C-alpha atoms as a PDB file:
ATOM      1  CA  MET A   1     110.785  25.846 107.710  1.00  0.00           C
ATOM      2  CA  PRO A   2     107.405  27.060 106.387  1.00  0.00           C
ATOM      3  CA  VAL A   3     106.976  30.314 104.549  1.00  0.00           C
ATOM      4  CA  PHE A   4     104.571  33.016 105.677  1.00  0.00           C
ATOM      5  CA  ALA A   5     100.929  32.636 104.664  1.00  0.00           C
ATOM      6  CA  ARG A   6      99.049  35.165 102.544  1.00  0.00           C
ATOM      7  CA  SER A   7      97.370  36.668 105.601  1.00  0.00           C
ATOM      8  CA  TYR A   8     100.728  37.843 106.959  1.00  0.00           C
ATOM      9  CA  PHE A   9     101.326  40.361 104.151  1.00  0.00           C
ATOM     10  CA  CYS A  10      99.681  43.740 103.724  1.00  0.00           C
ATOM     11  CA  ASP A  11      97.815  44.317 100.465  1.00  0.00           C
ATOM     12  CA  ALA A  12     100.591  46.457  98.953  1.00  0.00           C
ATOM     13  CA  GLU A  13     103.271  43.844  99.639  1.00  0.00           C
ATOM     14  CA  TRP A  14     101.080  41.013  98.411  1.00  0.00           C
ATOM     15  CA  LYS A  15     100.474  42.810  95.105  1.00  0.00           C
ATOM     16  CA  VAL A  16     104.242  43.248  94.596  1.00  0.00           C
ATOM     17  CA  ARG A  17     104.828  39.605  95.509  1.00  0.00           C
ATOM     18  CA  GLN A  18     102.237  38.457  92.978  1.00  0.00           C
ATOM     19  CA  ASP A  19     103.706  40.579  90.207  1.00  0.00           C
ATOM     20  CA  LEU A  20     107.289  39.623  91.013  1.00  0.00           C
ATOM     21  CA  ALA A  21     106.412  35.918  91.024  1.00  0.00           C
ATOM     22  CA  ALA A  22     104.690  36.455  87.673  1.00  0.00           C
ATOM     23  CA  ALA A  23     107.883  38.081  86.356  1.00  0.00           C
ATOM     24  CA  TYR A  24     109.901  35.000  87.300  1.00  0.00           C
ATOM     25  CA  HIS A  25     107.393  32.692  85.626  1.00  0.00           C
ATOM     26  CA  LEU A  26     107.392  34.827  82.484  1.00  0.00           C
ATOM     27  CA  ALA A  27     111.196  34.781  82.440  1.00  0.00           C
ATOM     28  CA  ALA A  28     111.032  30.986  82.629  1.00  0.00           C
ATOM     29  CA  LEU A  29     108.474  30.950  79.812  1.00  0.00           C
ATOM     30  CA  PHE A  30     110.814  33.039  77.632  1.00  0.00           C
ATOM     31  CA  GLN A  31     113.763  30.762  78.538  1.00  0.00           C
ATOM     32  CA  TRP A  32     115.669  33.607  80.157  1.00  0.00           C
ATOM     33  CA  THR A  33     116.896  31.299  82.910  1.00  0.00           C
ATOM     34  CA  ASP A  34     120.394  30.223  83.945  1.00  0.00           C
ATOM     35  CA  LEU A  35     119.606  27.248  86.184  1.00  0.00           C
ATOM     36  CA  ILE A  36     119.175  28.761  89.685  1.00  0.00           C
ATOM     37  CA  TYR A  37     121.104  31.950  88.962  1.00  0.00           C
ATOM     38  CA  THR A  38     120.205  35.544  88.015  1.00  0.00           C
ATOM     39  CA  HIS A  39     117.616  37.670  89.699  1.00  0.00           C
ATOM     40  CA  ILE A  40     114.633  39.984  89.502  1.00  0.00           C
ATOM     41  CA  SER A  41     113.982  42.233  92.487  1.00  0.00           C
ATOM     42  CA  ALA A  42     111.336  44.743  93.507  1.00  0.00           C
ATOM     43  CA  ASN A  43     110.722  47.305  96.227  1.00  0.00           C
ATOM     44  CA  ILE A  44     107.693  47.248  98.486  1.00  0.00           C
ATOM     45  CA  PRO A  45     105.745  50.536  98.675  1.00  0.00           C
ATOM     46  CA  GLY A  46     106.419  52.246 101.996  1.00  0.00           C
ATOM     47  CA  GLN A  47     109.384  49.991 102.817  1.00  0.00           C
ATOM     48  CA  SER A  48     112.409  51.760 101.347  1.00  0.00           C
ATOM     49  CA  ASP A  49     114.918  49.875 103.509  1.00  0.00           C
ATOM     50  CA  CYS A  50     114.350  46.451 101.928  1.00  0.00           C
ATOM     51  CA  PHE A  51     113.374  44.629  98.729  1.00  0.00           C
ATOM     52  CA  LEU A  52     112.139  41.248  97.504  1.00  0.00           C
ATOM     53  CA  ILE A  53     114.287  38.744  95.595  1.00  0.00           C
ATOM     54  CA  ASN A  54     114.236  35.043  94.679  1.00  0.00           C
ATOM     55  CA  PRO A  55     115.335  32.253  97.030  1.00  0.00           C
ATOM     56  CA  PHE A  56     118.729  30.854  96.024  1.00  0.00           C
ATOM     57  CA  GLY A  57     118.350  27.286  94.803  1.00  0.00           C
ATOM     58  CA  LEU A  58     114.943  27.476  93.134  1.00  0.00           C
ATOM     59  CA  HIS A  59     114.188  27.503  89.441  1.00  0.00           C
ATOM     60  CA  PHE A  60     112.318  30.590  88.268  1.00  0.00           C
ATOM     61  CA  HIS A  61     109.140  28.547  87.758  1.00  0.00           C
ATOM     62  CA  GLU A  62     109.276  27.474  91.421  1.00  0.00           C
ATOM     63  CA  VAL A  63     109.134  31.036  92.739  1.00  0.00           C
ATOM     64  CA  THR A  64     105.831  31.944  94.389  1.00  0.00           C
ATOM     65  CA  PRO A  65     104.501  35.083  96.071  1.00  0.00           C
ATOM     66  CA  GLU A  66     104.992  33.460  99.469  1.00  0.00           C
ATOM     67  CA  ASN A  67     108.544  32.167  99.094  1.00  0.00           C
ATOM     68  CA  LEU A  68     110.079  35.381  97.756  1.00  0.00           C
ATOM     69  CA  ILE A  69     112.613  36.632 100.278  1.00  0.00           C
ATOM     70  CA  LYS A  70     112.496  40.064 101.855  1.00  0.00           C
ATOM     71  CA  VAL A  71     116.011  41.342 102.487  1.00  0.00           C
ATOM     72  CA  SER A  72     117.329  44.570 103.977  1.00  0.00           C
ATOM     73  CA  LEU A  73     119.646  46.808 101.988  1.00  0.00           C
ATOM     74  CA  ASP A  74     122.571  45.622 104.126  1.00  0.00           C
ATOM     75  CA  GLY A  75     121.821  41.967 103.379  1.00  0.00           C
ATOM     76  CA  LYS A  76     119.826  40.795 106.390  1.00  0.00           C
ATOM     77  CA  ILE A  77     117.122  38.260 105.513  1.00  0.00           C
ATOM     78  CA  LEU A  78     113.820  39.450 106.980  1.00  0.00           C
ATOM     79  CA  SER A  79     111.641  36.555 105.809  1.00  0.00           C
ATOM     80  CA  ARG A  80     111.019  33.282 107.592  1.00  0.00           C
ATOM     81  CA  THR A  81     112.671  30.926 105.123  1.00  0.00           C
ATOM     82  CA  CYS A  82     115.010  27.967 104.832  1.00  0.00           C
ATOM     83  CA  TYR A  83     116.628  29.499 101.759  1.00  0.00           C
ATOM     84  CA  ASP A  84     119.521  31.885 101.359  1.00  0.00           C
ATOM     85  CA  ILE A  85     120.159  34.592  98.766  1.00  0.00           C
ATOM     86  CA  ASN A  86     122.734  34.458  95.999  1.00  0.00           C
ATOM     87  CA  PRO A  87     125.539  36.730  97.300  1.00  0.00           C
ATOM     88  CA  ALA A  88     126.295  38.136  93.841  1.00  0.00           C
ATOM     89  CA  GLY A  89     122.654  39.007  93.386  1.00  0.00           C
ATOM     90  CA  LEU A  90     122.617  40.741  96.745  1.00  0.00           C
ATOM     91  CA  VAL A  91     125.598  42.935  95.792  1.00  0.00           C
ATOM     92  CA  ILE A  92     124.108  44.028  92.472  1.00  0.00           C
ATOM     93  CA  HIS A  93     120.507  44.534  93.526  1.00  0.00           C
ATOM     94  CA  SER A  94     121.137  46.078  96.932  1.00  0.00           C
ATOM     95  CA  ALA A  95     123.471  48.632  95.351  1.00  0.00           C
ATOM     96  CA  LEU A  96     120.799  49.872  92.958  1.00  0.00           C
ATOM     97  CA  HIS A  97     117.934  49.822  95.455  1.00  0.00           C
ATOM     98  CA  ALA A  98     120.024  51.692  98.034  1.00  0.00           C
ATOM     99  CA  GLU A  99     121.550  54.376  95.816  1.00  0.00           C
ATOM    100  CA  ARG A 100     118.820  54.975  93.238  1.00  0.00           C
ATOM    101  CA  PRO A 101     115.544  55.761  95.070  1.00  0.00           C
ATOM    102  CA  ASP A 102     113.839  56.282  91.695  1.00  0.00           C
ATOM    103  CA  ILE A 103     114.334  52.582  90.931  1.00  0.00           C
ATOM    104  CA  SER A 104     111.622  50.194  92.118  1.00  0.00           C
ATOM    105  CA  ALA A 105     112.646  47.047  90.261  1.00  0.00           C
ATOM    106  CA  VAL A 106     115.757  45.485  88.723  1.00  0.00           C
ATOM    107  CA  VAL A 107     116.091  42.644  86.205  1.00  0.00           C
ATOM    108  CA  HIS A 108     119.491  40.983  85.694  1.00  0.00           C
ATOM    109  CA  LEU A 109     119.888  38.045  83.319  1.00  0.00           C
ATOM    110  CA  HIS A 110     122.508  35.727  81.827  1.00  0.00           C
ATOM    111  CA  THR A 111     120.803  34.925  78.518  1.00  0.00           C
ATOM    112  CA  VAL A 112     122.903  33.695  75.630  1.00  0.00           C
ATOM    113  CA  THR A 113     121.921  36.729  73.554  1.00  0.00           C
ATOM    114  CA  GLY A 114     122.663  39.140  76.382  1.00  0.00           C
ATOM    115  CA  MET A 115     126.049  37.616  77.123  1.00  0.00           C
ATOM    116  CA  ALA A 116     126.926  37.597  73.420  1.00  0.00           C
ATOM    117  CA  ILE A 117     126.171  41.306  73.040  1.00  0.00           C
ATOM    118  CA  ALA A 118     128.036  41.968  76.311  1.00  0.00           C
ATOM    119  CA  ALA A 119     131.123  40.385  74.730  1.00  0.00           C
ATOM    120  CA  LEU A 120     131.149  42.915  71.872  1.00  0.00           C
ATOM    121  CA  GLU A 121     133.220  46.075  72.222  1.00  0.00           C
ATOM    122  CA  HIS A 122     130.396  48.370  71.107  1.00  0.00           C
ATOM    123  CA  GLY A 123     127.550  46.407  72.641  1.00  0.00           C
ATOM    124  CA  LEU A 124     124.093  46.940  71.168  1.00  0.00           C
ATOM    125  CA  LEU A 125     124.077  48.616  67.758  1.00  0.00           C
ATOM    126  CA  PRO A 126     121.126  50.762  66.564  1.00  0.00           C
ATOM    127  CA  ILE A 127     120.351  48.530  63.604  1.00  0.00           C
ATOM    128  CA  SER A 128     116.680  47.882  64.407  1.00  0.00           C
ATOM    129  CA  GLN A 129     113.736  49.899  65.619  1.00  0.00           C
ATOM    130  CA  HIS A 130     113.863  47.931  68.858  1.00  0.00           C
ATOM    131  CA  ALA A 131     117.496  48.904  69.396  1.00  0.00           C
ATOM    132  CA  CYS A 132     116.860  52.545  68.515  1.00  0.00           C
ATOM    133  CA  HIS A 133     114.563  52.807  71.544  1.00  0.00           C
ATOM    134  CA  PHE A 134     117.747  52.571  73.637  1.00  0.00           C
ATOM    135  CA  TYR A 135     119.933  54.949  71.648  1.00  0.00           C
ATOM    136  CA  GLY A 136     122.141  56.875  74.071  1.00  0.00           C
ATOM    137  CA  LYS A 137     120.425  55.258  77.060  1.00  0.00           C
ATOM    138  CA  ILE A 138     122.722  52.296  77.765  1.00  0.00           C
ATOM    139  CA  ALA A 139     125.464  52.313  80.402  1.00  0.00           C
ATOM    140  CA  PHE A 140     128.429  49.912  80.486  1.00  0.00           C
ATOM    141  CA  HIS A 141     130.160  48.246  83.421  1.00  0.00           C
ATOM    142  CA  ASP A 142     133.490  46.467  82.953  1.00  0.00           C
ATOM    143  CA  TYR A 143     133.784  42.905  84.175  1.00  0.00           C
ATOM    144  CA  GLN A 144     135.515  42.596  87.564  1.00  0.00           C
ATOM    145  CA  GLY A 145     134.868  38.920  88.244  1.00  0.00           C
ATOM    146  CA  ILE A 146     131.880  37.373  90.034  1.00  0.00           C
ATOM    147  CA  ALA A 147     130.126  40.177  91.886  1.00  0.00           C
ATOM    148  CA  PHE A 148     130.842  39.013  95.429  1.00  0.00           C
ATOM    149  CA  ASN A 149     132.873  42.069  96.388  1.00  0.00           C
ATOM    150  CA  GLU A 150     130.980  44.790  98.221  1.00  0.00           C
ATOM    151  CA  GLN A 151     133.468  47.308  96.837  1.00  0.00           C
ATOM    152  CA  GLU A 152     132.052  46.768  93.340  1.00  0.00           C
ATOM    153  CA  LYS A 153     128.832  48.498  94.391  1.00  0.00           C
ATOM    154  CA  ALA A 154     130.428  51.928  94.039  1.00  0.00           C
ATOM    155  CA  SER A 155     131.586  51.343  90.461  1.00  0.00           C
ATOM    156  CA  LEU A 156     128.228  49.815  89.525  1.00  0.00           C
ATOM    157  CA  ILE A 157     126.408  52.936  90.651  1.00  0.00           C
ATOM    158  CA  GLN A 158     128.959  55.260  89.101  1.00  0.00           C
ATOM    159  CA  ASP A 159     128.789  53.466  85.751  1.00  0.00           C
ATOM    160  CA  LEU A 160     124.992  53.325  85.745  1.00  0.00           C
ATOM    161  CA  GLY A 161     124.673  57.045  86.456  1.00  0.00           C
ATOM    162  CA  ASP A 162     121.144  58.216  85.741  1.00  0.00           C
ATOM    163  CA  LYS A 163     120.460  55.479  83.177  1.00  0.00           C
ATOM    164  CA  ASN A 164     118.188  52.466  83.674  1.00  0.00           C
ATOM    165  CA  ILE A 165     119.848  50.069  81.240  1.00  0.00           C
ATOM    166  CA  MET A 166     123.292  48.567  81.623  1.00  0.00           C
ATOM    167  CA  ILE A 167     125.393  46.093  79.706  1.00  0.00           C
ATOM    168  CA  LEU A 168     127.613  44.271  82.162  1.00  0.00           C
ATOM    169  CA  ARG A 169     130.554  43.491  79.905  1.00  0.00           C
ATOM    170  CA  ASN A 170     131.310  39.765  79.526  1.00  0.00           C
ATOM    171  CA  HIS A 171     128.412  39.136  81.897  1.00  0.00           C
ATOM    172  CA  GLY A 172     124.893  40.031  80.742  1.00  0.00           C
ATOM    173  CA  PHE A 173     122.064  42.559  80.668  1.00  0.00           C
ATOM    174  CA  LEU A 174     120.569  44.640  83.470  1.00  0.00           C
ATOM    175  CA  THR A 175     117.449  46.794  83.324  1.00  0.00           C
ATOM    176  CA  ALA A 176     115.803  48.888  86.021  1.00  0.00           C
ATOM    177  CA  GLY A 177     112.665  50.955  86.232  1.00  0.00           C
ATOM    178  CA  SER A 178     110.323  53.004  88.338  1.00  0.00           C
ATOM    179  CA  SER A 179     108.054  49.952  88.280  1.00  0.00           C
ATOM    180  CA  LEU A 180     108.427  46.231  87.730  1.00  0.00           C
ATOM    181  CA  ALA A 181     106.429  46.664  84.536  1.00  0.00           C
ATOM    182  CA  GLU A 182     108.984  49.149  83.204  1.00  0.00           C
ATOM    183  CA  ALA A 183     112.032  47.083  84.160  1.00  0.00           C
ATOM    184  CA  PHE A 184     110.628  43.833  82.756  1.00  0.00           C
ATOM    185  CA  THR A 185     109.256  45.199  79.475  1.00  0.00           C
ATOM    186  CA  THR A 186     112.512  47.068  78.898  1.00  0.00           C
ATOM    187  CA  MET A 187     114.347  43.765  79.203  1.00  0.00           C
ATOM    188  CA  TYR A 188     111.896  42.169  76.789  1.00  0.00           C
ATOM    189  CA  THR A 189     112.621  44.806  74.132  1.00  0.00           C
ATOM    190  CA  LEU A 190     116.368  44.716  74.848  1.00  0.00           C
ATOM    191  CA  GLU A 191     116.455  40.951  74.394  1.00  0.00           C
ATOM    192  CA  LYS A 192     114.572  41.261  71.097  1.00  0.00           C
ATOM    193  CA  ALA A 193     117.018  43.908  69.861  1.00  0.00           C
ATOM    194  CA  ALA A 194     119.930  41.658  70.814  1.00  0.00           C
ATOM    195  CA  GLN A 195     118.446  38.720  68.917  1.00  0.00           C
ATOM    196  CA  VAL A 196     118.074  40.887  65.815  1.00  0.00           C
ATOM    197  CA  GLN A 197     121.694  42.036  66.042  1.00  0.00           C
ATOM    198  CA  ILE A 198     123.047  38.513  66.408  1.00  0.00           C
ATOM    199  CA  ALA A 199     120.941  37.322  63.473  1.00  0.00           C
ATOM    200  CA  ALA A 200     122.092  40.250  61.309  1.00  0.00           C
ATOM    201  CA  LEU A 201     125.770  39.744  62.157  1.00  0.00           C
ATOM    202  CA  SER A 202     125.493  36.023  61.392  1.00  0.00           C
ATOM    203  CA  MET A 203     124.739  36.799  57.723  1.00  0.00           C
ATOM    204  CA  GLY A 204     128.176  38.333  57.205  1.00  0.00           C
ATOM    205  CA  GLN A 205     126.799  41.315  55.280  1.00  0.00           C
ATOM    206  CA  SER A 206     127.312  45.058  55.781  1.00  0.00           C
ATOM    207  CA  LEU A 207     124.955  46.527  58.361  1.00  0.00           C
ATOM    208  CA  SER A 208     122.553  49.375  57.645  1.00  0.00           C
ATOM    209  CA  ILE A 209     122.799  51.795  60.578  1.00  0.00           C
ATOM    210  CA  PRO A 210     120.411  54.761  60.740  1.00  0.00           C
ATOM    211  CA  LEU A 211     121.859  58.252  61.105  1.00  0.00           C
ATOM    212  CA  PRO A 212     122.265  59.482  64.703  1.00  0.00           C
ATOM    213  CA  ASP A 213     119.497  62.076  64.348  1.00  0.00           C
ATOM    214  CA  VAL A 214     117.084  59.377  63.197  1.00  0.00           C
ATOM    215  CA  CYS A 215     117.984  57.201  66.187  1.00  0.00           C
ATOM    216  CA  GLN A 216     117.479  60.160  68.521  1.00  0.00           C
ATOM    217  CA  LYS A 217     114.125  60.871  66.866  1.00  0.00           C
ATOM    218  CA  VAL A 218     112.982  57.346  67.742  1.00  0.00           C
ATOM    219  CA  VAL A 219     113.917  57.935  71.386  1.00  0.00           C
ATOM    220  CA  GLU A 220     112.016  61.234  71.484  1.00  0.00           C
ATOM    221  CA  GLU A 221     108.942  59.886  69.707  1.00  0.00           C
ATOM    222  CA  THR A 222     108.832  56.862  71.966  1.00  0.00           C
ATOM    223  CA  GLY A 223     108.565  59.094  75.016  1.00  0.00           C
ATOM    224  CA  LYS A 224     106.204  61.719  73.590  1.00  0.00           C
ATOM    225  CA  LYS A 225     103.724  59.539  71.723  1.00  0.00           C
ATOM    226  CA  ASN A 226     103.320  56.674  74.196  1.00  0.00           C
ATOM    227  CA  ILE A 227     104.679  54.222  71.638  1.00  0.00           C
ATOM    228  CA  LYS A 228     106.090  52.054  74.414  1.00  0.00           C
ATOM    229  CA  ASN A 229     103.516  51.693  77.185  1.00  0.00           C
ATOM    230  CA  SER A 230     105.040  49.482  79.864  1.00  0.00           C
ATOM    231  CA  THR A 231     101.777  49.186  81.822  1.00  0.00           C
ATOM    232  CA  LEU A 232      99.828  47.867  78.845  1.00  0.00           C
ATOM    233  CA  GLU A 233     102.704  45.598  77.850  1.00  0.00           C
ATOM    234  CA  TRP A 234     103.009  44.199  81.378  1.00  0.00           C
ATOM    235  CA  GLU A 235      99.311  43.398  81.654  1.00  0.00           C
ATOM    236  CA  ALA A 236      99.470  41.707  78.251  1.00  0.00           C
ATOM    237  CA  LEU A 237     102.503  39.699  79.302  1.00  0.00           C
ATOM    238  CA  LYS A 238     100.786  38.468  82.430  1.00  0.00           C
ATOM    239  CA  ARG A 239      97.918  37.159  80.304  1.00  0.00           C
ATOM    240  CA  LEU A 240     100.409  34.699  78.792  1.00  0.00           C
ATOM    241  CA  LEU A 241     100.438  32.905  82.135  1.00  0.00           C
ATOM    242  CA  PRO A 242      97.731  30.328  82.888  1.00  0.00           C
ATOM    243  CA  SER A 243      94.487  31.649  84.300  1.00  0.00           C
ATOM    244  CA  PRO A 244      93.351  30.296  87.692  1.00  0.00           C
ATOM    245  CA  SER A 245      90.493  28.328  86.146  1.00  0.00           C
ATOM    246  CA  SER A 246      92.613  26.672  83.440  1.00  0.00           C
ATOM    247  CA  VAL A 247      95.385  25.722  85.868  1.00  0.00           C
ATOM    248  CA  LEU A 248      93.017  24.259  88.441  1.00  0.00           C
ATOM    249  CA  LYS A 249      91.306  22.185  85.751  1.00  0.00           C
ATOM    250  CA  MET A 250      94.692  20.856  84.622  1.00  0.00           C
ATOM    251  CA  LEU A 251      96.018  20.155  88.110  1.00  0.00           C
ATOM    252  CA  PRO A 252      94.470  16.660  88.692  1.00  0.00           C
ATOM    253  CA  ALA A 253      95.736  15.435  85.314  1.00  0.00           C
ATOM    254  CA  ILE A 254      99.186  16.908  85.878  1.00  0.00           C
ATOM    255  CA  GLN A 255      99.505  15.385  89.322  1.00  0.00           C
ATOM    256  CA  GLY A 256      98.296  12.022  88.008  1.00  0.00           C
ATOM    257  CA  LYS A 257     101.123  11.866  85.487  1.00  0.00           C
ATOM    258  CA  ARG A 258     104.017  12.859  87.724  1.00  0.00           C
ATOM    259  CA  PRO A 259     104.843  13.376  91.395  1.00  0.00           C
ATOM    260  CA  ALA A 260     103.107  16.467  92.755  1.00  0.00           C
ATOM    261  CA  ASN A 261     105.198  19.623  92.583  1.00  0.00           C
ATOM    262  CA  LYS A 262     104.837  21.085  96.051  1.00  0.00           C
ATOM    263  CA  PHE A 263     105.478  24.604  94.807  1.00  0.00           C
ATOM    264  CA  PHE A 264     103.009  24.335  91.949  1.00  0.00           C
ATOM    265  CA  SER A 265     100.139  22.603  93.732  1.00  0.00           C
ATOM    266  CA  LYS A 266     100.373  24.383  97.075  1.00  0.00           C
ATOM    267  CA  HIS A 267     100.744  27.948  95.854  1.00  0.00           C
ATOM    268  CA  ILE A 268      99.091  28.111  92.449  1.00  0.00           C
ATOM    269  CA  GLU A 269      95.840  29.652  93.699  1.00  0.00           C
ATOM    270  CA  SER A 270      97.553  32.393  95.666  1.00  0.00           C
ATOM    271  CA  PHE A 271     100.047  33.043  92.860  1.00  0.00           C
ATOM    272  CA  LEU A 272      97.278  33.640  90.342  1.00  0.00           C
ATOM    273  CA  ALA A 273      94.698  35.242  92.664  1.00  0.00           C
END
């Protein structure tokens, strides 16, 4: 079954679709993938009763603006598609989009670093500047099994509270934001902090942990002095992806060496437009 063409979407939805597809490709570039699992979702301006999420069964690098699935908060697929949605992803993402109107995007991953930190009793420690950005801002959710159960939505929301970062114990990381830029760049910094912690713990030495007032100072300075600018970071991240001209120049050579990737060749211009 074909997906909708570009002309079907309004400008606001198309912009979100482009950015969300870029987020999936960046996640693939950073090796944040778990085969066909985990999810990044985003709201569409003016459409508070639905959100966009990846088709279940595709790798992150196969996601395009057109094949992203629009789904209602109660789980009804609104897109013309032959794909389904991962039920666990629907439970987690629909809960946040429905109950937290201040959230526009959610990133949930199963990276090795994220799952390792999620297995520790105290989670992320403030042992690096990156980690100090999150001091006092991380929520925890106890593992209840694979998130198929609709009843888990209530505890997810209760545990998250007014925070935008959550460690799902024995599961992975989750970040949310008022924009996709905020949610994605928060995950980038969180992943970096987790890598630092794992590297530090691997040396078997005593850890140097800043005093609580120093950690809190980092949080306050980050907000007041624009130290972390998610918009600038997001635009810089997107420049890591191929430009339209470079990809189109490469396309004949790529297709000559291997069977054409229908997702890559058919949608690359619209994805990067």
